[in-house]
Amino acid sequence: MKKLIVALILLYALPVLAETYEWTDQQGTVHFTEDLGSIPKKYRKKAKVVGGDESAPEVTISNEPAKGAAKAEPKGDEGDKPKKLYGGKDEAAWRTAFRNANYEVQQTETELATLQGRMNDTSKMSRSEYLAVQNTIKHTEVRLQEARQKLDALQATANRAGVPPEFRK
């Protein structure tokens, strides 16, 4: 019983970094996704954030033309100067992607440091708590490696798209 309580407490403490969306199709099938863009357009208004408030999520409409249509440059704030796109994304999209990827790496590093700090004094830990913390450290190390790989992949994509360094902070 003690092991279960410790495991539940440790799992509860892990931060949730992604939102999960839920929607129901015409046949009544409930679908879940972490990417709002993967929800068919006709269901986006009815999509709900799971575990959050029950309001519909904010949907960003892409200005990408249909296949075969001429690609129009989106207009900037002035209305006459088009926004420059890098790999199909504007400055705000790149900044958001890098901010999210860097945040995920930083949060996971902080969590790992906290867990490793707990392992410095194991004299007051039970064996089950010690094993639970060790297991959580292993899991967090894997998450950190995945977060760093995501950031590296984003860097590589940004390099291919010619994204300026100031957008990557």
C-alpha atoms as a PDB file:
ATOM      1  CA  MET A   1       0.000   0.000   0.000  1.00  0.00           C
ATOM      2  CA  LYS A   2       2.847   2.351   0.881  1.00  0.00           C
ATOM      3  CA  LYS A   3       4.459   1.722  -2.516  1.00  0.00           C
ATOM      4  CA  LEU A   4       1.240   2.572  -4.297  1.00  0.00           C
ATOM      5  CA  ILE A   5       0.835   5.850  -2.417  1.00  0.00           C
ATOM      6  CA  VAL A   6       4.441   6.882  -3.099  1.00  0.00           C
ATOM      7  CA  ALA A   7       4.122   5.980  -6.782  1.00  0.00           C
ATOM      8  CA  LEU A   8       0.874   7.936  -7.114  1.00  0.00           C
ATOM      9  CA  ILE A   9       2.362  10.986  -5.413  1.00  0.00           C
ATOM     10  CA  LEU A  10       5.404  10.917  -7.691  1.00  0.00           C
ATOM     11  CA  LEU A  11       3.301  10.478 -10.809  1.00  0.00           C
ATOM     12  CA  TYR A  12       0.941  13.245  -9.738  1.00  0.00           C
ATOM     13  CA  ALA A  13       3.898  15.613  -9.341  1.00  0.00           C
ATOM     14  CA  LEU A  14       5.004  15.205 -12.967  1.00  0.00           C
ATOM     15  CA  PRO A  15       4.090  18.328 -14.946  1.00  0.00           C
ATOM     16  CA  VAL A  16       1.699  18.080 -17.844  1.00  0.00           C
ATOM     17  CA  LEU A  17       3.134  19.983 -20.800  1.00  0.00           C
ATOM     18  CA  ALA A  18       0.662  19.139 -23.554  1.00  0.00           C
ATOM     19  CA  GLU A  19      -3.041  19.770 -23.919  1.00  0.00           C
ATOM     20  CA  THR A  20      -5.252  16.932 -25.053  1.00  0.00           C
ATOM     21  CA  TYR A  21      -8.273  17.684 -27.199  1.00  0.00           C
ATOM     22  CA  GLU A  22     -11.428  15.585 -27.464  1.00  0.00           C
ATOM     23  CA  TRP A  23     -14.038  15.636 -30.209  1.00  0.00           C
ATOM     24  CA  THR A  24     -16.862  13.398 -31.426  1.00  0.00           C
ATOM     25  CA  ASP A  25     -17.396  12.620 -35.104  1.00  0.00           C
ATOM     26  CA  GLN A  26     -20.713  12.087 -36.958  1.00  0.00           C
ATOM     27  CA  GLN A  27     -20.786   8.395 -36.062  1.00  0.00           C
ATOM     28  CA  GLY A  28     -20.479   9.233 -32.352  1.00  0.00           C
ATOM     29  CA  THR A  29     -16.874   8.033 -32.064  1.00  0.00           C
ATOM     30  CA  VAL A  30     -14.880  10.015 -29.510  1.00  0.00           C
ATOM     31  CA  HIS A  31     -11.363  10.979 -30.672  1.00  0.00           C
ATOM     32  CA  PHE A  32      -8.403  12.376 -28.704  1.00  0.00           C
ATOM     33  CA  THR A  33      -5.342  14.252 -29.954  1.00  0.00           C
ATOM     34  CA  GLU A  34      -2.614  16.606 -28.731  1.00  0.00           C
ATOM     35  CA  ASP A  35      -2.509  18.502 -32.037  1.00  0.00           C
ATOM     36  CA  LEU A  36      -5.415  20.839 -32.691  1.00  0.00           C
ATOM     37  CA  GLY A  37      -4.461  20.913 -36.366  1.00  0.00           C
ATOM     38  CA  SER A  38      -5.199  17.198 -36.731  1.00  0.00           C
ATOM     39  CA  ILE A  39      -8.870  17.728 -35.845  1.00  0.00           C
ATOM     40  CA  PRO A  40     -11.027  17.988 -38.997  1.00  0.00           C
ATOM     41  CA  LYS A  41     -12.164  21.585 -39.525  1.00  0.00           C
ATOM     42  CA  LYS A  42     -15.851  20.787 -39.128  1.00  0.00           C
ATOM     43  CA  TYR A  43     -15.253  19.404 -35.590  1.00  0.00           C
ATOM     44  CA  ARG A  44     -12.799  22.055 -34.282  1.00  0.00           C
ATOM     45  CA  LYS A  45     -15.497  24.343 -32.872  1.00  0.00           C
ATOM     46  CA  LYS A  46     -16.867  21.460 -30.784  1.00  0.00           C
ATOM     47  CA  ALA A  47     -13.454  20.209 -29.612  1.00  0.00           C
ATOM     48  CA  LYS A  48     -12.858  20.351 -25.862  1.00  0.00           C
ATOM     49  CA  VAL A  49      -9.658  20.499 -23.863  1.00  0.00           C
ATOM     50  CA  VAL A  50      -9.534  17.371 -21.714  1.00  0.00           C
ATOM     51  CA  GLY A  51      -8.854  18.160 -18.068  1.00  0.00           C
ATOM     52  CA  GLY A  52      -9.129  21.901 -18.660  1.00  0.00           C
ATOM     53  CA  ASP A  53     -12.059  24.244 -18.934  1.00  0.00           C
ATOM     54  CA  GLU A  54     -14.834  22.966 -21.142  1.00  0.00           C
ATOM     55  CA  SER A  55     -14.733  25.906 -23.560  1.00  0.00           C
ATOM     56  CA  ALA A  56     -13.751  25.335 -27.138  1.00  0.00           C
ATOM     57  CA  PRO A  57     -10.039  25.784 -27.857  1.00  0.00           C
ATOM     58  CA  GLU A  58      -8.796  28.730 -29.858  1.00  0.00           C
ATOM     59  CA  VAL A  59      -8.307  27.770 -33.478  1.00  0.00           C
ATOM     60  CA  THR A  60      -5.742  29.471 -35.660  1.00  0.00           C
ATOM     61  CA  ILE A  61      -6.740  29.467 -39.290  1.00  0.00           C
ATOM     62  CA  SER A  62      -3.877  28.927 -41.697  1.00  0.00           C
ATOM     63  CA  ASN A  63      -3.616  31.168 -44.742  1.00  0.00           C
ATOM     64  CA  GLU A  64      -2.192  28.351 -46.832  1.00  0.00           C
ATOM     65  CA  PRO A  65      -3.910  28.045 -50.216  1.00  0.00           C
ATOM     66  CA  ALA A  66      -5.492  24.854 -51.489  1.00  0.00           C
ATOM     67  CA  LYS A  67      -3.354  22.495 -53.562  1.00  0.00           C
ATOM     68  CA  GLY A  68      -2.680  23.868 -57.006  1.00  0.00           C
ATOM     69  CA  ALA A  69      -3.642  27.423 -56.067  1.00  0.00           C
ATOM     70  CA  ALA A  70      -1.154  30.270 -56.190  1.00  0.00           C
ATOM     71  CA  LYS A  71       0.520  30.899 -52.833  1.00  0.00           C
ATOM     72  CA  ALA A  72      -0.294  34.359 -51.509  1.00  0.00           C
ATOM     73  CA  GLU A  73       1.939  36.052 -48.957  1.00  0.00           C
ATOM     74  CA  PRO A  74       0.051  36.916 -45.752  1.00  0.00           C
ATOM     75  CA  LYS A  75      -0.197  40.611 -45.006  1.00  0.00           C
ATOM     76  CA  GLY A  76       1.591  42.141 -42.029  1.00  0.00           C
ATOM     77  CA  ASP A  77       0.181  44.592 -39.493  1.00  0.00           C
ATOM     78  CA  GLU A  78       0.551  47.503 -41.906  1.00  0.00           C
ATOM     79  CA  GLY A  79      -1.611  45.719 -44.481  1.00  0.00           C
ATOM     80  CA  ASP A  80       0.689  46.510 -47.398  1.00  0.00           C
ATOM     81  CA  LYS A  81       3.886  44.765 -46.336  1.00  0.00           C
ATOM     82  CA  PRO A  82       3.691  40.944 -46.551  1.00  0.00           C
ATOM     83  CA  LYS A  83       4.996  38.807 -43.690  1.00  0.00           C
ATOM     84  CA  LYS A  84       8.038  36.763 -44.558  1.00  0.00           C
ATOM     85  CA  LEU A  85       7.527  33.026 -44.296  1.00  0.00           C
ATOM     86  CA  TYR A  86      10.206  30.510 -43.392  1.00  0.00           C
ATOM     87  CA  GLY A  87       9.255  26.965 -44.304  1.00  0.00           C
ATOM     88  CA  GLY A  88       5.590  27.973 -44.421  1.00  0.00           C
ATOM     89  CA  LYS A  89       5.625  29.566 -40.934  1.00  0.00           C
ATOM     90  CA  ASP A  90       5.885  33.208 -39.941  1.00  0.00           C
ATOM     91  CA  GLU A  91       8.053  34.733 -37.215  1.00  0.00           C
ATOM     92  CA  ALA A  92       5.450  34.275 -34.470  1.00  0.00           C
ATOM     93  CA  ALA A  93       5.030  30.568 -35.227  1.00  0.00           C
ATOM     94  CA  TRP A  94       8.797  29.957 -35.119  1.00  0.00           C
ATOM     95  CA  ARG A  95       9.199  31.937 -31.900  1.00  0.00           C
ATOM     96  CA  THR A  96       6.360  29.975 -30.280  1.00  0.00           C
ATOM     97  CA  ALA A  97       7.773  26.626 -31.412  1.00  0.00           C
ATOM     98  CA  PHE A  98      11.233  27.445 -30.026  1.00  0.00           C
ATOM     99  CA  ARG A  99       9.821  28.912 -26.810  1.00  0.00           C
ATOM    100  CA  ASN A 100       7.790  25.730 -26.198  1.00  0.00           C
ATOM    101  CA  ALA A 101      10.686  23.386 -27.031  1.00  0.00           C
ATOM    102  CA  ASN A 102      13.128  25.312 -24.814  1.00  0.00           C
ATOM    103  CA  TYR A 103      10.585  25.441 -21.992  1.00  0.00           C
ATOM    104  CA  GLU A 104      10.064  21.682 -22.141  1.00  0.00           C
ATOM    105  CA  VAL A 105      13.833  21.056 -21.957  1.00  0.00           C
ATOM    106  CA  GLN A 106      14.278  23.514 -19.065  1.00  0.00           C
ATOM    107  CA  GLN A 107      11.346  22.113 -17.070  1.00  0.00           C
ATOM    108  CA  THR A 108      12.518  18.540 -17.515  1.00  0.00           C
ATOM    109  CA  GLU A 109      16.084  19.488 -16.515  1.00  0.00           C
ATOM    110  CA  THR A 110      14.742  21.193 -13.381  1.00  0.00           C
ATOM    111  CA  GLU A 111      12.611  18.185 -12.513  1.00  0.00           C
ATOM    112  CA  LEU A 112      15.573  15.846 -13.004  1.00  0.00           C
ATOM    113  CA  ALA A 113      17.803  18.016 -10.800  1.00  0.00           C
ATOM    114  CA  THR A 114      15.150  17.990  -8.063  1.00  0.00           C
ATOM    115  CA  LEU A 115      14.843  14.219  -8.198  1.00  0.00           C
ATOM    116  CA  GLN A 116      18.609  13.738  -8.169  1.00  0.00           C
ATOM    117  CA  GLY A 117      18.814  16.092  -5.184  1.00  0.00           C
ATOM    118  CA  ARG A 118      16.400  13.832  -3.311  1.00  0.00           C
ATOM    119  CA  MET A 119      18.784  10.938  -3.880  1.00  0.00           C
ATOM    120  CA  ASN A 120      21.588  12.772  -2.007  1.00  0.00           C
ATOM    121  CA  ASP A 121      20.096  11.845   1.366  1.00  0.00           C
ATOM    122  CA  THR A 122      18.418   8.458   1.236  1.00  0.00           C
ATOM    123  CA  SER A 123      18.746   7.759   4.961  1.00  0.00           C
ATOM    124  CA  LYS A 124      15.124   8.780   5.648  1.00  0.00           C
ATOM    125  CA  MET A 125      13.682   6.976   2.616  1.00  0.00           C
ATOM    126  CA  SER A 126      12.049   3.596   2.658  1.00  0.00           C
ATOM    127  CA  ARG A 127      13.261   1.058   0.132  1.00  0.00           C
ATOM    128  CA  SER A 128      10.087   1.417  -1.932  1.00  0.00           C
ATOM    129  CA  GLU A 129      10.351   5.205  -1.990  1.00  0.00           C
ATOM    130  CA  TYR A 130      14.005   4.932  -3.027  1.00  0.00           C
ATOM    131  CA  LEU A 131      13.086   2.584  -5.901  1.00  0.00           C
ATOM    132  CA  ALA A 132      10.192   4.826  -6.945  1.00  0.00           C
ATOM    133  CA  VAL A 133      12.481   7.872  -7.095  1.00  0.00           C
ATOM    134  CA  GLN A 134      15.075   5.890  -9.074  1.00  0.00           C
ATOM    135  CA  ASN A 135      12.397   4.802 -11.527  1.00  0.00           C
ATOM    136  CA  THR A 136      11.113   8.366 -11.861  1.00  0.00           C
ATOM    137  CA  ILE A 137      14.666   9.583 -12.530  1.00  0.00           C
ATOM    138  CA  LYS A 138      15.038   7.040 -15.345  1.00  0.00           C
ATOM    139  CA  HIS A 139      11.702   8.098 -16.816  1.00  0.00           C
ATOM    140  CA  THR A 140      12.620  11.788 -16.558  1.00  0.00           C
ATOM    141  CA  GLU A 141      16.010  11.174 -18.216  1.00  0.00           C
ATOM    142  CA  VAL A 142      14.216   9.560 -21.162  1.00  0.00           C
ATOM    143  CA  ARG A 143      11.798  12.513 -21.368  1.00  0.00           C
ATOM    144  CA  LEU A 144      14.739  14.938 -21.266  1.00  0.00           C
ATOM    145  CA  GLN A 145      16.495  13.076 -24.077  1.00  0.00           C
ATOM    146  CA  GLU A 146      13.293  13.167 -26.154  1.00  0.00           C
ATOM    147  CA  ALA A 147      12.808  16.891 -25.458  1.00  0.00           C
ATOM    148  CA  ARG A 148      16.388  17.617 -26.533  1.00  0.00           C
ATOM    149  CA  GLN A 149      15.911  15.547 -29.696  1.00  0.00           C
ATOM    150  CA  LYS A 150      12.749  17.533 -30.476  1.00  0.00           C
ATOM    151  CA  LEU A 151      14.647  20.792 -29.995  1.00  0.00           C
ATOM    152  CA  ASP A 152      17.501  19.539 -32.202  1.00  0.00           C
ATOM    153  CA  ALA A 153      15.010  18.503 -34.908  1.00  0.00           C
ATOM    154  CA  LEU A 154      13.369  21.926 -34.697  1.00  0.00           C
ATOM    155  CA  GLN A 155      16.810  23.568 -35.027  1.00  0.00           C
ATOM    156  CA  ALA A 156      17.551  21.449 -38.110  1.00  0.00           C
ATOM    157  CA  THR A 157      14.197  22.336 -39.674  1.00  0.00           C
ATOM    158  CA  ALA A 158      14.780  26.014 -38.910  1.00  0.00           C
ATOM    159  CA  ASN A 159      18.255  25.824 -40.487  1.00  0.00           C
ATOM    160  CA  ARG A 160      16.787  24.339 -43.684  1.00  0.00           C
ATOM    161  CA  ALA A 161      14.073  27.017 -43.747  1.00  0.00           C
ATOM    162  CA  GLY A 162      16.582  29.851 -43.172  1.00  0.00           C
ATOM    163  CA  VAL A 163      15.038  31.045 -39.896  1.00  0.00           C
ATOM    164  CA  PRO A 164      17.069  33.910 -38.371  1.00  0.00           C
ATOM    165  CA  PRO A 165      18.800  33.191 -35.013  1.00  0.00           C
ATOM    166  CA  GLU A 166      16.828  35.888 -33.188  1.00  0.00           C
ATOM    167  CA  PHE A 167      13.585  33.885 -33.728  1.00  0.00           C
ATOM    168  CA  ARG A 168      15.075  30.856 -31.942  1.00  0.00           C
ATOM    169  CA  LYS A 169      15.252  32.249 -28.404  1.00  0.00           C
END
